[in-house]
């Protein structure tokens, strides 16, 4: 595995701590019946989606990293693919969380567009990697 891929894996593994902390925070909100979470279905749904997407996308990125070094692509293209696949599990959950920061928010704000940007990074990175593997 290349040095760049190992560094990317290290960064992704460190983000697992943030995902675990997020899970603990959600569990605390549930256990303590925290206002602004249980009584706000929009916030609860978006935060649950943010946590789930963070975990799944980090695992996905870690799973596909070894394939990047096997792709028939230039080093700059590999760097773009790595960047896109790391951006997705950061941007998408941020959009879910930051779009309903205040406990009284009942509609997502414009930061929900970070989820779309994260999804675009996921699609672009996956497509680039797939094309360069075929």
N, C-alpha and C. Protein backbone atom coordinates (compact mmCIF):
# COMPACT_ATOMS: atom_id res chain seq x y z
N UNK A 1 0.86 -1.17 0.00
CA UNK A 1 0.00 0.00 0.00
C UNK A 1 0.90 1.23 0.00
N UNK A 2 0.52 2.23 -0.78
CA UNK A 2 1.35 3.43 -0.90
C UNK A 2 1.30 4.25 0.39
N UNK A 3 2.28 5.11 0.53
CA UNK A 3 2.36 5.99 1.69
C UNK A 3 1.14 6.90 1.78
N UNK A 4 0.70 7.42 0.63
CA UNK A 4 -0.47 8.32 0.60
C UNK A 4 -1.73 7.58 1.05
N UNK A 5 -1.87 6.34 0.63
CA UNK A 5 -3.05 5.55 1.02
C UNK A 5 -3.00 5.22 2.51
N UNK A 6 -1.82 4.90 3.02
CA UNK A 6 -1.70 4.63 4.46
C UNK A 6 -2.02 5.88 5.28
N UNK A 7 -1.57 7.03 4.83
CA UNK A 7 -1.88 8.28 5.53
C UNK A 7 -3.39 8.53 5.51
N UNK A 8 -4.01 8.30 4.36
CA UNK A 8 -5.47 8.48 4.25
C UNK A 8 -6.19 7.52 5.20
N UNK A 9 -5.73 6.28 5.26
CA UNK A 9 -6.33 5.30 6.17
C UNK A 9 -6.18 5.77 7.62
N UNK A 10 -5.02 6.30 7.96
CA UNK A 10 -4.82 6.81 9.31
C UNK A 10 -5.78 7.93 9.65
N UNK A 11 -5.97 8.85 8.71
CA UNK A 11 -6.91 9.95 8.93
C UNK A 11 -8.32 9.42 9.13
N UNK A 12 -8.72 8.48 8.29
CA UNK A 12 -10.06 7.90 8.41
C UNK A 12 -10.24 7.16 9.74
N UNK A 13 -9.21 6.44 10.17
CA UNK A 13 -9.31 5.73 11.44
C UNK A 13 -9.42 6.70 12.61
N UNK A 14 -8.76 7.83 12.52
CA UNK A 14 -8.89 8.84 13.57
C UNK A 14 -10.31 9.40 13.61
N UNK A 15 -10.96 9.52 12.45
CA UNK A 15 -12.34 10.03 12.43
C UNK A 15 -13.31 9.08 13.12
N UNK A 16 -12.93 7.81 13.25
CA UNK A 16 -13.79 6.85 13.96
C UNK A 16 -14.04 7.32 15.39
N UNK A 17 -13.06 8.00 15.98
CA UNK A 17 -13.22 8.55 17.33
C UNK A 17 -14.37 9.56 17.34
N UNK A 18 -14.43 10.41 16.32
CA UNK A 18 -15.51 11.40 16.23
C UNK A 18 -16.85 10.71 16.05
N UNK A 19 -16.89 9.65 15.26
CA UNK A 19 -18.14 8.91 15.05
C UNK A 19 -18.58 8.26 16.36
N UNK A 20 -17.64 7.69 17.10
CA UNK A 20 -17.97 7.07 18.38
C UNK A 20 -18.46 8.11 19.38
N UNK A 21 -17.81 9.27 19.40
CA UNK A 21 -18.25 10.35 20.29
C UNK A 21 -19.66 10.80 19.92
N UNK A 22 -19.93 10.89 18.62
CA UNK A 22 -21.28 11.26 18.17
C UNK A 22 -22.31 10.25 18.63
N UNK A 23 -21.97 8.98 18.56
CA UNK A 23 -22.89 7.94 19.03
C UNK A 23 -23.14 8.05 20.52
N UNK A 24 -22.09 8.34 21.28
CA UNK A 24 -22.24 8.52 22.72
C UNK A 24 -23.12 9.73 23.02
N UNK A 25 -22.93 10.79 22.26
CA UNK A 25 -23.75 11.99 22.45
C UNK A 25 -25.22 11.70 22.18
N UNK A 26 -25.50 10.99 21.09
CA UNK A 26 -26.90 10.64 20.78
C UNK A 26 -27.49 9.75 21.87
N UNK A 27 -26.70 8.80 22.34
CA UNK A 27 -27.17 7.91 23.40
C UNK A 27 -27.45 8.70 24.68
N UNK A 28 -26.61 9.67 24.98
CA UNK A 28 -26.81 10.52 26.15
C UNK A 28 -28.11 11.33 26.02
N UNK A 29 -28.35 11.86 24.83
CA UNK A 29 -29.60 12.61 24.61
C UNK A 29 -30.81 11.71 24.83
N UNK A 30 -30.71 10.47 24.38
CA UNK A 30 -31.83 9.54 24.56
C UNK A 30 -31.99 9.16 26.04
N UNK A 31 -30.90 8.80 26.68
CA UNK A 31 -30.96 8.32 28.07
C UNK A 31 -31.42 9.41 29.03
N UNK A 32 -31.01 10.63 28.77
CA UNK A 32 -31.36 11.74 29.67
C UNK A 32 -32.61 12.46 29.22
N UNK A 33 -33.22 11.94 28.15
CA UNK A 33 -34.46 12.52 27.62
C UNK A 33 -34.31 14.02 27.42
N UNK A 34 -33.24 14.37 26.77
CA UNK A 34 -32.85 15.77 26.57
C UNK A 34 -33.85 16.49 25.66
N UNK A 35 -34.32 17.64 26.12
CA UNK A 35 -35.22 18.47 25.33
C UNK A 35 -34.53 18.99 24.08
N UNK A 36 -35.29 19.14 23.03
CA UNK A 36 -34.72 19.60 21.77
C UNK A 36 -34.19 18.47 20.93
N UNK A 37 -34.21 17.27 21.47
CA UNK A 37 -33.79 16.09 20.70
C UNK A 37 -34.96 15.13 20.57
N UNK A 38 -35.40 14.58 21.68
CA UNK A 38 -36.52 13.63 21.62
C UNK A 38 -37.81 14.28 21.15
N UNK A 39 -38.03 15.52 21.54
CA UNK A 39 -39.28 16.19 21.18
C UNK A 39 -39.19 16.93 19.84
N UNK A 40 -38.09 16.76 19.12
CA UNK A 40 -37.92 17.43 17.83
C UNK A 40 -37.61 16.35 16.78
N UNK A 41 -38.65 15.83 16.12
CA UNK A 41 -38.43 14.71 15.19
C UNK A 41 -37.51 15.06 14.01
N UNK A 42 -37.51 16.30 13.56
CA UNK A 42 -36.64 16.69 12.45
C UNK A 42 -35.18 16.61 12.90
N UNK A 43 -34.89 17.21 14.03
CA UNK A 43 -33.52 17.19 14.55
C UNK A 43 -33.07 15.77 14.87
N UNK A 44 -33.94 15.01 15.50
CA UNK A 44 -33.61 13.62 15.85
C UNK A 44 -33.33 12.80 14.59
N UNK A 45 -34.16 12.97 13.58
CA UNK A 45 -33.98 12.22 12.34
C UNK A 45 -32.70 12.60 11.60
N UNK A 46 -32.43 13.89 11.52
CA UNK A 46 -31.23 14.34 10.81
C UNK A 46 -29.96 13.96 11.57
N UNK A 47 -29.99 14.04 12.89
CA UNK A 47 -28.80 13.67 13.65
C UNK A 47 -28.56 12.16 13.59
N UNK A 48 -29.63 11.39 13.59
CA UNK A 48 -29.48 9.94 13.45
C UNK A 48 -28.91 9.61 12.07
N UNK A 49 -29.43 10.27 11.04
CA UNK A 49 -28.92 10.06 9.69
C UNK A 49 -27.46 10.48 9.58
N UNK A 50 -27.11 11.59 10.22
CA UNK A 50 -25.72 12.05 10.19
C UNK A 50 -24.77 11.04 10.81
N UNK A 51 -25.17 10.51 11.95
CA UNK A 51 -24.32 9.52 12.63
C UNK A 51 -24.20 8.25 11.80
N UNK A 52 -25.30 7.78 11.26
CA UNK A 52 -25.27 6.56 10.45
C UNK A 52 -24.43 6.74 9.20
N UNK A 53 -24.61 7.86 8.52
CA UNK A 53 -23.84 8.11 7.30
C UNK A 53 -22.35 8.24 7.60
N UNK A 54 -22.02 8.87 8.70
CA UNK A 54 -20.61 9.01 9.07
C UNK A 54 -19.96 7.64 9.22
N UNK A 55 -20.59 6.77 9.98
CA UNK A 55 -20.02 5.44 10.21
C UNK A 55 -19.91 4.62 8.94
N UNK A 56 -20.97 4.58 8.17
CA UNK A 56 -20.98 3.77 6.95
C UNK A 56 -19.98 4.31 5.92
N UNK A 57 -19.93 5.62 5.76
CA UNK A 57 -19.03 6.19 4.75
C UNK A 57 -17.56 6.07 5.13
N UNK A 58 -17.25 6.14 6.42
CA UNK A 58 -15.86 5.91 6.84
C UNK A 58 -15.47 4.47 6.54
N UNK A 59 -16.35 3.54 6.86
CA UNK A 59 -16.06 2.12 6.57
C UNK A 59 -15.94 1.88 5.06
N UNK A 60 -16.80 2.50 4.29
CA UNK A 60 -16.72 2.35 2.83
C UNK A 60 -15.38 2.86 2.32
N UNK A 61 -14.99 4.05 2.77
CA UNK A 61 -13.72 4.63 2.31
C UNK A 61 -12.55 3.73 2.69
N UNK A 62 -12.56 3.21 3.92
CA UNK A 62 -11.49 2.30 4.34
C UNK A 62 -11.47 1.03 3.49
N UNK A 63 -12.65 0.54 3.14
CA UNK A 63 -12.73 -0.69 2.35
C UNK A 63 -12.19 -0.53 0.93
N UNK A 64 -12.40 0.64 0.34
CA UNK A 64 -11.97 0.82 -1.06
C UNK A 64 -10.56 1.38 -1.20
N UNK A 65 -9.96 1.85 -0.11
CA UNK A 65 -8.61 2.42 -0.21
C UNK A 65 -7.59 1.50 -0.89
N UNK A 66 -7.55 0.21 -0.57
CA UNK A 66 -6.55 -0.64 -1.23
C UNK A 66 -6.70 -0.69 -2.76
N UNK A 67 -7.90 -0.48 -3.25
CA UNK A 67 -8.13 -0.51 -4.69
C UNK A 67 -7.54 0.71 -5.40
N UNK A 68 -7.40 1.81 -4.67
CA UNK A 68 -6.88 3.03 -5.29
C UNK A 68 -5.47 2.80 -5.83
N UNK A 69 -4.65 2.11 -5.05
CA UNK A 69 -3.28 1.84 -5.49
C UNK A 69 -3.24 0.87 -6.67
N UNK A 70 -4.30 0.11 -6.87
CA UNK A 70 -4.36 -0.85 -7.97
C UNK A 70 -4.95 -0.24 -9.25
N UNK A 71 -5.51 0.94 -9.12
CA UNK A 71 -6.16 1.58 -10.27
C UNK A 71 -5.14 2.02 -11.31
N UNK A 72 -5.54 1.91 -12.56
CA UNK A 72 -4.70 2.36 -13.68
C UNK A 72 -4.93 3.86 -13.86
N UNK A 73 -4.32 4.64 -12.94
CA UNK A 73 -4.54 6.09 -12.93
C UNK A 73 -3.24 6.78 -12.55
N UNK A 74 -3.15 8.04 -12.93
CA UNK A 74 -1.97 8.83 -12.53
C UNK A 74 -2.02 9.09 -11.03
N UNK A 75 -0.89 9.49 -10.47
CA UNK A 75 -0.85 9.76 -9.03
C UNK A 75 -1.76 10.93 -8.68
N UNK A 76 -1.87 11.90 -9.55
CA UNK A 76 -2.76 13.04 -9.27
C UNK A 76 -4.23 12.59 -9.24
N UNK A 77 -4.59 11.67 -10.14
CA UNK A 77 -5.96 11.15 -10.13
C UNK A 77 -6.20 10.35 -8.87
N UNK A 78 -5.23 9.56 -8.45
CA UNK A 78 -5.36 8.81 -7.19
C UNK A 78 -5.55 9.76 -6.01
N UNK A 79 -4.83 10.87 -6.02
CA UNK A 79 -4.97 11.87 -4.95
C UNK A 79 -6.38 12.45 -4.95
N UNK A 80 -6.90 12.73 -6.12
CA UNK A 80 -8.27 13.26 -6.22
C UNK A 80 -9.26 12.23 -5.68
N UNK A 81 -9.09 10.97 -6.05
CA UNK A 81 -10.00 9.92 -5.58
C UNK A 81 -9.94 9.81 -4.06
N UNK A 82 -8.73 9.78 -3.51
CA UNK A 82 -8.58 9.70 -2.05
C UNK A 82 -9.28 10.89 -1.38
N UNK A 83 -9.06 12.08 -1.91
CA UNK A 83 -9.65 13.29 -1.33
C UNK A 83 -11.17 13.24 -1.37
N UNK A 84 -11.72 12.83 -2.49
CA UNK A 84 -13.18 12.75 -2.62
C UNK A 84 -13.77 11.73 -1.64
N UNK A 85 -13.08 10.59 -1.49
CA UNK A 85 -13.60 9.55 -0.61
C UNK A 85 -13.44 9.88 0.87
N UNK A 86 -12.53 10.80 1.19
CA UNK A 86 -12.41 11.28 2.57
C UNK A 86 -13.39 12.43 2.81
N UNK A 87 -13.64 13.22 1.79
CA UNK A 87 -14.56 14.36 1.94
C UNK A 87 -15.99 13.90 2.20
N UNK A 88 -16.40 12.81 1.57
CA UNK A 88 -17.79 12.36 1.70
C UNK A 88 -18.20 12.08 3.14
N UNK A 89 -17.43 11.28 3.91
CA UNK A 89 -17.86 11.03 5.29
C UNK A 89 -17.68 12.22 6.24
N UNK A 90 -17.10 13.28 5.75
CA UNK A 90 -16.99 14.50 6.57
C UNK A 90 -18.13 15.45 6.21
N UNK A 91 -18.30 15.72 4.93
CA UNK A 91 -19.29 16.71 4.49
C UNK A 91 -20.73 16.26 4.71
N UNK A 92 -21.04 15.02 4.37
CA UNK A 92 -22.42 14.58 4.46
C UNK A 92 -22.95 14.63 5.91
N UNK A 93 -22.24 14.03 6.87
CA UNK A 93 -22.73 14.14 8.26
C UNK A 93 -22.76 15.57 8.78
N UNK A 94 -21.76 16.39 8.40
CA UNK A 94 -21.78 17.79 8.82
C UNK A 94 -23.06 18.48 8.36
N UNK A 95 -23.48 18.19 7.15
CA UNK A 95 -24.72 18.77 6.65
C UNK A 95 -25.92 18.37 7.49
N UNK A 96 -25.99 17.10 7.85
CA UNK A 96 -27.10 16.63 8.69
C UNK A 96 -27.08 17.31 10.06
N UNK A 97 -25.90 17.36 10.68
CA UNK A 97 -25.80 17.92 12.03
C UNK A 97 -25.96 19.44 12.06
N UNK A 98 -25.24 20.12 11.20
CA UNK A 98 -25.23 21.59 11.25
C UNK A 98 -26.50 22.24 10.70
N UNK A 99 -27.32 21.47 10.00
CA UNK A 99 -28.54 22.05 9.45
C UNK A 99 -29.64 22.23 10.50
N UNK A 100 -29.46 21.59 11.65
CA UNK A 100 -30.43 21.73 12.75
C UNK A 100 -29.66 21.83 14.08
N UNK A 101 -28.82 22.83 14.20
CA UNK A 101 -27.97 22.98 15.39
C UNK A 101 -28.78 23.35 16.62
N UNK A 102 -29.67 24.30 16.46
CA UNK A 102 -30.44 24.78 17.61
C UNK A 102 -31.56 23.79 17.95
N UNK A 103 -31.80 23.54 19.23
CA UNK A 103 -32.85 22.59 19.63
C UNK A 103 -34.24 22.93 19.10
N UNK A 104 -34.49 24.20 18.84
CA UNK A 104 -35.83 24.60 18.36
C UNK A 104 -35.96 24.56 16.84
N UNK A 105 -34.89 24.24 16.12
CA UNK A 105 -34.96 24.17 14.66
C UNK A 105 -35.89 23.03 14.23
N UNK A 106 -36.89 23.39 13.43
CA UNK A 106 -37.82 22.37 12.93
C UNK A 106 -37.70 22.19 11.42
N UNK A 107 -36.83 22.98 10.81
CA UNK A 107 -36.53 22.85 9.39
C UNK A 107 -35.02 22.98 9.21
N UNK A 108 -34.44 22.20 8.32
CA UNK A 108 -32.99 22.33 8.10
C UNK A 108 -32.66 23.67 7.46
N UNK A 109 -31.52 24.23 7.83
CA UNK A 109 -31.06 25.46 7.21
C UNK A 109 -30.27 25.13 5.93
N UNK A 110 -29.65 26.11 5.34
CA UNK A 110 -28.96 25.91 4.06
C UNK A 110 -27.74 24.99 4.15
N UNK A 111 -27.25 24.74 5.35
CA UNK A 111 -26.11 23.83 5.49
C UNK A 111 -26.46 22.38 5.15
N UNK A 112 -27.76 22.11 4.97
CA UNK A 112 -28.18 20.77 4.53
C UNK A 112 -27.56 20.46 3.17
N UNK A 113 -27.19 21.49 2.41
CA UNK A 113 -26.58 21.29 1.09
C UNK A 113 -25.20 20.63 1.20
N UNK A 114 -24.61 20.64 2.40
CA UNK A 114 -23.36 19.89 2.58
C UNK A 114 -23.58 18.40 2.37
N UNK A 115 -24.80 17.93 2.64
CA UNK A 115 -25.09 16.50 2.41
C UNK A 115 -25.04 16.20 0.91
N UNK A 116 -25.55 17.12 0.13
CA UNK A 116 -25.53 16.95 -1.33
C UNK A 116 -24.09 17.00 -1.84
N UNK A 117 -23.32 17.94 -1.32
CA UNK A 117 -21.91 18.04 -1.70
C UNK A 117 -21.16 16.77 -1.32
N UNK A 118 -21.42 16.26 -0.11
CA UNK A 118 -20.79 15.01 0.32
C UNK A 118 -21.20 13.84 -0.58
N UNK A 119 -22.47 13.80 -0.94
CA UNK A 119 -22.94 12.75 -1.86
C UNK A 119 -22.29 12.86 -3.22
N UNK A 120 -22.11 14.10 -3.68
CA UNK A 120 -21.41 14.31 -4.96
C UNK A 120 -19.97 13.83 -4.89
N UNK A 121 -19.31 14.09 -3.77
CA UNK A 121 -17.93 13.59 -3.60
C UNK A 121 -17.89 12.07 -3.60
N UNK A 122 -18.85 11.46 -2.93
CA UNK A 122 -18.93 9.99 -2.90
C UNK A 122 -19.13 9.42 -4.30
N UNK A 123 -20.05 10.00 -5.03
CA UNK A 123 -20.33 9.54 -6.39
C UNK A 123 -19.12 9.75 -7.29
N UNK A 124 -18.54 10.94 -7.25
CA UNK A 124 -17.39 11.25 -8.12
C UNK A 124 -16.20 10.35 -7.79
N UNK A 125 -15.90 10.19 -6.50
CA UNK A 125 -14.77 9.35 -6.10
C UNK A 125 -14.98 7.89 -6.48
N UNK A 126 -16.18 7.39 -6.26
CA UNK A 126 -16.49 5.99 -6.59
C UNK A 126 -16.45 5.77 -8.10
N UNK A 127 -17.03 6.72 -8.85
CA UNK A 127 -17.03 6.60 -10.31
C UNK A 127 -15.62 6.67 -10.88
N UNK A 128 -14.83 7.62 -10.40
CA UNK A 128 -13.44 7.73 -10.86
C UNK A 128 -12.66 6.46 -10.56
N UNK A 129 -12.84 5.95 -9.35
CA UNK A 129 -12.11 4.73 -8.98
C UNK A 129 -12.59 3.55 -9.84
N UNK A 130 -13.89 3.41 -9.97
CA UNK A 130 -14.41 2.32 -10.78
C UNK A 130 -13.94 2.36 -12.22
N UNK A 131 -13.98 3.52 -12.84
CA UNK A 131 -13.54 3.66 -14.23
C UNK A 131 -12.06 3.31 -14.37
N UNK A 132 -11.25 3.72 -13.39
CA UNK A 132 -9.81 3.45 -13.47
C UNK A 132 -9.45 2.03 -13.07
N UNK A 133 -10.39 1.30 -12.54
CA UNK A 133 -10.16 -0.12 -12.23
C UNK A 133 -10.56 -1.02 -13.40
N UNK A 134 -11.49 -0.54 -14.20
CA UNK A 134 -12.01 -1.37 -15.32
C UNK A 134 -11.00 -1.46 -16.44
